[in-house]
C-alpha atoms as a PDB file:
ATOM      1  CA  UNK A   1      72.189 -55.661-135.127  1.00  0.00           C
ATOM      2  CA  UNK A   2      75.970 -56.617-136.388  1.00  0.00           C
ATOM      3  CA  UNK A   3      78.344 -59.115-134.598  1.00  0.00           C
ATOM      4  CA  UNK A   4      82.041 -58.329-134.553  1.00  0.00           C
ATOM      5  CA  UNK A   5      82.526 -60.646-137.605  1.00  0.00           C
ATOM      6  CA  UNK A   6      80.038 -58.187-139.595  1.00  0.00           C
ATOM      7  CA  UNK A   7      77.140 -60.671-139.850  1.00  0.00           C
ATOM      8  CA  UNK A   8      73.762 -59.328-139.189  1.00  0.00           C
ATOM      9  CA  UNK A   9      71.893 -60.899-136.805  1.00  0.00           C
ATOM     10  CA  UNK A  10      67.854 -60.490-136.013  1.00  0.00           C
ATOM     11  CA  UNK A  11      67.214 -58.345-132.727  1.00  0.00           C
ATOM     12  CA  UNK A  12      66.960 -60.506-129.688  1.00  0.00           C
ATOM     13  CA  UNK A  13      63.116 -59.919-129.346  1.00  0.00           C
ATOM     14  CA  UNK A  14      62.708 -61.352-132.925  1.00  0.00           C
ATOM     15  CA  UNK A  15      64.643 -64.233-131.846  1.00  0.00           C
ATOM     16  CA  UNK A  16      62.475 -64.647-128.944  1.00  0.00           C
ATOM     17  CA  UNK A  17      59.257 -64.290-131.185  1.00  0.00           C
ATOM     18  CA  UNK A  18      60.622 -67.355-133.076  1.00  0.00           C
ATOM     19  CA  UNK A  19      61.176 -69.092-129.840  1.00  0.00           C
ATOM     20  CA  UNK A  20      57.885 -68.255-128.621  1.00  0.00           C
ATOM     21  CA  UNK A  21      56.202 -69.747-131.789  1.00  0.00           C
ATOM     22  CA  UNK A  22      58.164 -72.942-131.561  1.00  0.00           C
ATOM     23  CA  UNK A  23      56.860 -73.343-127.827  1.00  0.00           C
ATOM     24  CA  UNK A  24      53.358 -72.548-129.018  1.00  0.00           C
ATOM     25  CA  UNK A  25      53.536 -75.170-131.552  1.00  0.00           C
ATOM     26  CA  UNK A  26      55.628 -77.865-129.340  1.00  0.00           C
ATOM     27  CA  UNK A  27      53.144 -77.472-126.539  1.00  0.00           C
ATOM     28  CA  UNK A  28      50.124 -77.510-128.707  1.00  0.00           C
ATOM     29  CA  UNK A  29      48.645 -74.421-126.894  1.00  0.00           C
ATOM     30  CA  UNK A  30      45.431 -73.973-128.806  1.00  0.00           C
ATOM     31  CA  UNK A  31      43.410 -70.660-129.613  1.00  0.00           C
ATOM     32  CA  UNK A  32      42.002 -69.244-126.509  1.00  0.00           C
ATOM     33  CA  UNK A  33      44.480 -71.046-124.132  1.00  0.00           C
ATOM     34  CA  UNK A  34      46.796 -69.527-121.529  1.00  0.00           C
ATOM     35  CA  UNK A  35      50.490 -68.942-122.455  1.00  0.00           C
ATOM     36  CA  UNK A  36      53.070 -69.984-119.862  1.00  0.00           C
ATOM     37  CA  UNK A  37      53.823 -67.367-117.236  1.00  0.00           C
ATOM     38  CA  UNK A  38      56.483 -64.815-117.828  1.00  0.00           C
ATOM     39  CA  UNK A  39      58.645 -66.411-114.963  1.00  0.00           C
ATOM     40  CA  UNK A  40      58.549 -69.837-116.781  1.00  0.00           C
ATOM     41  CA  UNK A  41      59.240 -68.427-120.261  1.00  0.00           C
ATOM     42  CA  UNK A  42      62.066 -66.179-119.057  1.00  0.00           C
ATOM     43  CA  UNK A  43      63.697 -69.434-117.598  1.00  0.00           C
ATOM     44  CA  UNK A  44      62.984 -71.565-120.627  1.00  0.00           C
ATOM     45  CA  UNK A  45      64.340 -69.018-122.938  1.00  0.00           C
ATOM     46  CA  UNK A  46      67.084 -67.337-120.922  1.00  0.00           C
ATOM     47  CA  UNK A  47      66.022 -63.755-121.562  1.00  0.00           C
ATOM     48  CA  UNK A  48      65.213 -60.655-119.484  1.00  0.00           C
ATOM     49  CA  UNK A  49      61.680 -59.715-118.750  1.00  0.00           C
ATOM     50  CA  UNK A  50      61.987 -56.539-120.949  1.00  0.00           C
ATOM     51  CA  UNK A  51      63.137 -58.405-123.918  1.00  0.00           C
ATOM     52  CA  UNK A  52      60.132 -60.749-123.261  1.00  0.00           C
ATOM     53  CA  UNK A  53      57.598 -58.072-123.031  1.00  0.00           C
ATOM     54  CA  UNK A  54      59.018 -56.502-126.186  1.00  0.00           C
ATOM     55  CA  UNK A  55      58.098 -59.634-128.199  1.00  0.00           C
ATOM     56  CA  UNK A  56      54.809 -59.855-126.378  1.00  0.00           C
ATOM     57  CA  UNK A  57      54.168 -56.398-127.597  1.00  0.00           C
ATOM     58  CA  UNK A  58      54.844 -57.298-131.222  1.00  0.00           C
ATOM     59  CA  UNK A  59      52.732 -60.575-130.877  1.00  0.00           C
ATOM     60  CA  UNK A  60      49.842 -58.353-129.488  1.00  0.00           C
ATOM     61  CA  UNK A  61      50.258 -56.057-132.463  1.00  0.00           C
ATOM     62  CA  UNK A  62      50.128 -58.883-134.824  1.00  0.00           C
ATOM     63  CA  UNK A  63      47.041 -60.184-133.269  1.00  0.00           C
ATOM     64  CA  UNK A  64      48.459 -63.551-132.256  1.00  0.00           C
ATOM     65  CA  UNK A  65      48.029 -63.031-128.335  1.00  0.00           C
ATOM     66  CA  UNK A  66      45.904 -60.923-126.087  1.00  0.00           C
ATOM     67  CA  UNK A  67      46.553 -59.863-122.446  1.00  0.00           C
ATOM     68  CA  UNK A  68      44.093 -59.935-119.914  1.00  0.00           C
ATOM     69  CA  UNK A  69      44.552 -57.843-116.698  1.00  0.00           C
ATOM     70  CA  UNK A  70      45.480 -60.004-113.936  1.00  0.00           C
ATOM     71  CA  UNK A  71      45.127 -63.237-115.684  1.00  0.00           C
ATOM     72  CA  UNK A  72      48.072 -63.323-117.959  1.00  0.00           C
ATOM     73  CA  UNK A  73      48.486 -63.691-121.904  1.00  0.00           C
ATOM     74  CA  UNK A  74      46.417 -65.982-124.062  1.00  0.00           C
ATOM     75  CA  UNK A  75      46.480 -67.043-127.824  1.00  0.00           C
ATOM     76  CA  UNK A  76      43.710 -65.252-129.523  1.00  0.00           C
ATOM     77  CA  UNK A  77      40.607 -67.207-129.860  1.00  0.00           C
ATOM     78  CA  UNK A  78      39.057 -67.879-133.412  1.00  0.00           C
ATOM     79  CA  UNK A  79      35.432 -66.665-134.618  1.00  0.00           C
ATOM     80  CA  UNK A  80      32.808 -69.188-133.984  1.00  0.00           C
ATOM     81  CA  UNK A  81      32.827 -72.081-136.414  1.00  0.00           C
ATOM     82  CA  UNK A  82      36.374 -71.364-137.431  1.00  0.00           C
ATOM     83  CA  UNK A  83      39.209 -73.741-137.279  1.00  0.00           C
ATOM     84  CA  UNK A  84      42.919 -73.893-138.282  1.00  0.00           C
ATOM     85  CA  UNK A  85      42.115 -75.914-141.200  1.00  0.00           C
ATOM     86  CA  UNK A  86      44.085 -78.905-140.226  1.00  0.00           C
ATOM     87  CA  UNK A  87      47.459 -76.766-139.710  1.00  0.00           C
ATOM     88  CA  UNK A  88      47.473 -77.667-135.976  1.00  0.00           C
ATOM     89  CA  UNK A  89      51.199 -78.449-136.294  1.00  0.00           C
ATOM     90  CA  UNK A  90      51.857 -74.521-137.177  1.00  0.00           C
ATOM     91  CA  UNK A  91      49.337 -73.156-134.765  1.00  0.00           C
ATOM     92  CA  UNK A  92      51.151 -69.830-134.104  1.00  0.00           C
ATOM     93  CA  UNK A  93      51.928 -69.050-138.028  1.00  0.00           C
ATOM     94  CA  UNK A  94      48.041 -70.152-138.802  1.00  0.00           C
ATOM     95  CA  UNK A  95      46.782 -67.704-136.113  1.00  0.00           C
ATOM     96  CA  UNK A  96      49.139 -64.831-137.435  1.00  0.00           C
ATOM     97  CA  UNK A  97      47.830 -65.605-140.964  1.00  0.00           C
ATOM     98  CA  UNK A  98      44.297 -65.233-139.796  1.00  0.00           C
ATOM     99  CA  UNK A  99      45.207 -61.880-138.179  1.00  0.00           C
ATOM    100  CA  UNK A 100      46.642 -60.707-141.584  1.00  0.00           C
ATOM    101  CA  UNK A 101      43.789 -61.666-143.274  1.00  0.00           C
ATOM    102  CA  UNK A 102      41.376 -59.730-141.004  1.00  0.00           C
ATOM    103  CA  UNK A 103      43.952 -56.952-141.432  1.00  0.00           C
ATOM    104  CA  UNK A 104      43.586 -56.931-145.107  1.00  0.00           C
ATOM    105  CA  UNK A 105      39.997 -56.954-144.641  1.00  0.00           C
ATOM    106  CA  UNK A 106      39.789 -53.908-142.441  1.00  0.00           C
ATOM    107  CA  UNK A 107      42.276 -52.270-144.964  1.00  0.00           C
ATOM    108  CA  UNK A 108      39.925 -53.099-147.841  1.00  0.00           C
ATOM    109  CA  UNK A 109      36.992 -51.359-145.931  1.00  0.00           C
ATOM    110  CA  UNK A 110      39.130 -48.251-145.358  1.00  0.00           C
ATOM    111  CA  UNK A 111      40.908 -47.620-148.548  1.00  0.00           C
ATOM    112  CA  UNK A 112      37.743 -47.969-150.731  1.00  0.00           C
ATOM    113  CA  UNK A 113      36.474 -45.103-148.520  1.00  0.00           C
ATOM    114  CA  UNK A 114      39.817 -43.329-148.540  1.00  0.00           C
ATOM    115  CA  UNK A 115      39.634 -43.201-152.446  1.00  0.00           C
ATOM    116  CA  UNK A 116      36.108 -41.611-152.205  1.00  0.00           C
ATOM    117  CA  UNK A 117      37.455 -39.002-149.880  1.00  0.00           C
ATOM    118  CA  UNK A 118      40.219 -38.266-152.181  1.00  0.00           C
ATOM    119  CA  UNK A 119      37.840 -37.768-155.050  1.00  0.00           C
ATOM    120  CA  UNK A 120      35.813 -35.325-152.962  1.00  0.00           C
ATOM    121  CA  UNK A 121      38.491 -33.411-150.874  1.00  0.00           C
ATOM    122  CA  UNK A 122      41.900 -33.726-152.974  1.00  0.00           C
ATOM    123  CA  UNK A 123      43.263 -30.426-154.905  1.00  0.00           C
ATOM    124  CA  UNK A 124      44.949 -30.370-158.081  1.00  0.00           C
ATOM    125  CA  UNK A 125      48.209 -30.318-156.097  1.00  0.00           C
ATOM    126  CA  UNK A 126      47.308 -33.551-154.324  1.00  0.00           C
ATOM    127  CA  UNK A 127      46.527 -35.086-157.523  1.00  0.00           C
ATOM    128  CA  UNK A 128      49.895 -34.056-159.138  1.00  0.00           C
ATOM    129  CA  UNK A 129      51.589 -35.476-155.934  1.00  0.00           C
ATOM    130  CA  UNK A 130      49.688 -38.811-156.256  1.00  0.00           C
ATOM    131  CA  UNK A 131      50.836 -39.094-160.070  1.00  0.00           C
ATOM    132  CA  UNK A 132      54.348 -38.269-159.197  1.00  0.00           C
ATOM    133  CA  UNK A 133      54.322 -40.925-156.382  1.00  0.00           C
ATOM    134  CA  UNK A 134      53.260 -43.395-159.147  1.00  0.00           C
ATOM    135  CA  UNK A 135      55.825 -42.711-161.505  1.00  0.00           C
ATOM    136  CA  UNK A 136      58.307 -43.072-158.502  1.00  0.00           C
ATOM    137  CA  UNK A 137      57.068 -46.283-157.804  1.00  0.00           C
ATOM    138  CA  UNK A 138      57.176 -47.480-161.263  1.00  0.00           C
ATOM    139  CA  UNK A 139      60.886 -46.541-161.299  1.00  0.00           C
ATOM    140  CA  UNK A 140      61.482 -48.638-158.173  1.00  0.00           C
ATOM    141  CA  UNK A 141      59.435 -51.580-159.815  1.00  0.00           C
ATOM    142  CA  UNK A 142      62.163 -51.550-162.780  1.00  0.00           C
ATOM    143  CA  UNK A 143      65.037 -51.296-160.287  1.00  0.00           C
ATOM    144  CA  UNK A 144      64.127 -53.984-157.814  1.00  0.00           C
ATOM    145  CA  UNK A 145      61.984 -56.174-160.070  1.00  0.00           C
ATOM    146  CA  UNK A 146      59.482 -56.531-157.242  1.00  0.00           C
ATOM    147  CA  UNK A 147      56.750 -54.534-155.860  1.00  0.00           C
ATOM    148  CA  UNK A 148      59.047 -52.333-153.620  1.00  0.00           C
ATOM    149  CA  UNK A 149      57.594 -49.056-152.759  1.00  0.00           C
ATOM    150  CA  UNK A 150      53.891 -49.915-153.259  1.00  0.00           C
ATOM    151  CA  UNK A 151      53.045 -49.074-149.536  1.00  0.00           C
ATOM    152  CA  UNK A 152      54.398 -45.635-149.953  1.00  0.00           C
ATOM    153  CA  UNK A 153      51.722 -44.968-152.464  1.00  0.00           C
ATOM    154  CA  UNK A 154      48.927 -46.392-150.130  1.00  0.00           C
ATOM    155  CA  UNK A 155      50.229 -44.321-147.490  1.00  0.00           C
ATOM    156  CA  UNK A 156      49.991 -41.124-149.615  1.00  0.00           C
ATOM    157  CA  UNK A 157      46.475 -42.243-150.444  1.00  0.00           C
ATOM    158  CA  UNK A 158      45.735 -42.162-146.719  1.00  0.00           C
ATOM    159  CA  UNK A 159      47.186 -38.468-146.571  1.00  0.00           C
ATOM    160  CA  UNK A 160      45.280 -37.100-149.492  1.00  0.00           C
ATOM    161  CA  UNK A 161      42.230 -38.029-147.985  1.00  0.00           C
ATOM    162  CA  UNK A 162      42.195 -35.039-146.076  1.00  0.00           C
ATOM    163  CA  UNK A 163      41.020 -36.839-142.988  1.00  0.00           C
ATOM    164  CA  UNK A 164      43.486 -37.003-140.047  1.00  0.00           C
ATOM    165  CA  UNK A 165      41.742 -39.915-138.568  1.00  0.00           C
ATOM    166  CA  UNK A 166      41.609 -41.904-141.831  1.00  0.00           C
ATOM    167  CA  UNK A 167      45.226 -41.140-142.283  1.00  0.00           C
ATOM    168  CA  UNK A 168      46.195 -42.216-138.616  1.00  0.00           C
ATOM    169  CA  UNK A 169      44.129 -45.447-138.694  1.00  0.00           C
ATOM    170  CA  UNK A 170      45.129 -46.594-142.037  1.00  0.00           C
ATOM    171  CA  UNK A 171      48.748 -45.920-141.379  1.00  0.00           C
ATOM    172  CA  UNK A 172      48.332 -48.142-138.212  1.00  0.00           C
ATOM    173  CA  UNK A 173      46.782 -51.021-140.286  1.00  0.00           C
ATOM    174  CA  UNK A 174      49.403 -50.693-143.138  1.00  0.00           C
ATOM    175  CA  UNK A 175      52.373 -50.814-140.406  1.00  0.00           C
ATOM    176  CA  UNK A 176      50.946 -54.066-138.908  1.00  0.00           C
ATOM    177  CA  UNK A 177      50.444 -55.789-142.096  1.00  0.00           C
ATOM    178  CA  UNK A 178      54.158 -54.773-143.240  1.00  0.00           C
ATOM    179  CA  UNK A 179      55.373 -56.263-139.991  1.00  0.00           C
ATOM    180  CA  UNK A 180      53.836 -59.538-140.666  1.00  0.00           C
ATOM    181  CA  UNK A 181      54.687 -59.575-144.361  1.00  0.00           C
ATOM    182  CA  UNK A 182      58.272 -58.686-143.920  1.00  0.00           C
ATOM    183  CA  UNK A 183      58.707 -61.570-141.401  1.00  0.00           C
ATOM    184  CA  UNK A 184      56.505 -64.513-141.357  1.00  0.00           C
ATOM    185  CA  UNK A 185      54.834 -63.937-144.779  1.00  0.00           C
ATOM    186  CA  UNK A 186      57.378 -62.451-146.992  1.00  0.00           C
ATOM    187  CA  UNK A 187      56.742 -64.827-149.729  1.00  0.00           C
ATOM    188  CA  UNK A 188      53.273 -63.314-150.310  1.00  0.00           C
ATOM    189  CA  UNK A 189      54.905 -59.885-150.464  1.00  0.00           C
ATOM    190  CA  UNK A 190      56.919 -60.971-153.216  1.00  0.00           C
ATOM    191  CA  UNK A 191      54.113 -62.986-155.112  1.00  0.00           C
ATOM    192  CA  UNK A 192      52.562 -59.761-156.650  1.00  0.00           C
ATOM    193  CA  UNK A 193      53.714 -59.027-160.203  1.00  0.00           C
ATOM    194  CA  UNK A 194      54.938 -55.617-160.931  1.00  0.00           C
ATOM    195  CA  UNK A 195      53.038 -55.293-164.073  1.00  0.00           C
ATOM    196  CA  UNK A 196      49.871 -56.180-162.549  1.00  0.00           C
ATOM    197  CA  UNK A 197      50.133 -53.811-159.554  1.00  0.00           C
ATOM    198  CA  UNK A 198      51.199 -50.847-161.892  1.00  0.00           C
ATOM    199  CA  UNK A 199      47.994 -51.543-164.111  1.00  0.00           C
ATOM    200  CA  UNK A 200      45.831 -51.661-161.001  1.00  0.00           C
ATOM    201  CA  UNK A 201      47.232 -48.440-159.522  1.00  0.00           C
ATOM    202  CA  UNK A 202      46.900 -46.738-162.934  1.00  0.00           C
ATOM    203  CA  UNK A 203      43.242 -47.694-162.884  1.00  0.00           C
ATOM    204  CA  UNK A 204      42.834 -46.114-159.362  1.00  0.00           C
ATOM    205  CA  UNK A 205      44.506 -42.885-160.325  1.00  0.00           C
ATOM    206  CA  UNK A 206      42.544 -42.545-163.389  1.00  0.00           C
ATOM    207  CA  UNK A 207      39.364 -42.890-161.627  1.00  0.00           C
ATOM    208  CA  UNK A 208      40.443 -40.347-159.015  1.00  0.00           C
ATOM    209  CA  UNK A 209      41.706 -37.827-161.574  1.00  0.00           C
ATOM    210  CA  UNK A 210      38.416 -38.180-163.356  1.00  0.00           C
ATOM    211  CA  UNK A 211      36.392 -37.734-159.967  1.00  0.00           C
ATOM    212  CA  UNK A 212      34.755 -40.855-160.632  1.00  0.00           C
ATOM    213  CA  UNK A 213      34.207 -42.073-156.815  1.00  0.00           C
ATOM    214  CA  UNK A 214      32.368 -45.118-157.853  1.00  0.00           C
ATOM    215  CA  UNK A 215      34.913 -46.455-160.402  1.00  0.00           C
ATOM    216  CA  UNK A 216      37.927 -45.361-157.998  1.00  0.00           C
ATOM    217  CA  UNK A 217      36.127 -47.400-155.071  1.00  0.00           C
ATOM    218  CA  UNK A 218      35.758 -50.605-157.326  1.00  0.00           C
ATOM    219  CA  UNK A 219      39.323 -50.354-158.489  1.00  0.00           C
ATOM    220  CA  UNK A 220      40.686 -50.168-155.019  1.00  0.00           C
ATOM    221  CA  UNK A 221      38.449 -52.954-153.813  1.00  0.00           C
ATOM    222  CA  UNK A 222      39.587 -55.304-156.750  1.00  0.00           C
ATOM    223  CA  UNK A 223      43.162 -54.204-155.932  1.00  0.00           C
ATOM    224  CA  UNK A 224      43.105 -55.268-152.382  1.00  0.00           C
ATOM    225  CA  UNK A 225      40.862 -58.425-152.908  1.00  0.00           C
ATOM    226  CA  UNK A 226      43.775 -60.030-155.008  1.00  0.00           C
ATOM    227  CA  UNK A 227      45.772 -59.917-151.809  1.00  0.00           C
ATOM    228  CA  UNK A 228      43.109 -61.256-149.635  1.00  0.00           C
ATOM    229  CA  UNK A 229      42.421 -64.071-152.263  1.00  0.00           C
ATOM    230  CA  UNK A 230      46.099 -65.139-151.755  1.00  0.00           C
ATOM    231  CA  UNK A 231      45.545 -65.447-148.036  1.00  0.00           C
END
């Protein structure tokens, strides 16, 4: 939203998320531990219950906190044998980074399967749509100098699988990833090079157009693995 001076400010719930992260770090609330009650946080932050719950909802979607009926809200636990790698001063961001990594791992499994379904189900018109979307993406790369618009092509991959459940699930995962990358991890989003992204998608599309499922799956796996390696 904008103030009267015209300066764009983040939505209030986004400010609350930042404040909650600060509380988690300052209070050294560790994975698996319970967060302060809603009433206590409302008093500490000076916000309404609705705004606080909106912030909690976002953090649940990011996989940072979980709600337990009748018990309250907790920081997510870590898998057995995992740690925050000495980053205990940034507990919240470390947990969000782990959630982002997990989301990418799920995305990799889904999108590798997605290209297999495209090879099997896509019509000639579908392949033309994918090619047109790729060319549009290249234009945006040139205009912006960054990999803006790349996720739109991934959403189209999901659509062209011909599977409603695949499309819905992949779009949910992609939305969660975009939320985290547009906020906490914007630096990762801008790390990718446009030329490399273009080459990788060209390889994916060439394999799809050749109806080569094995090659398409490998190209998609390698494409997403690059982002996983950055995390």
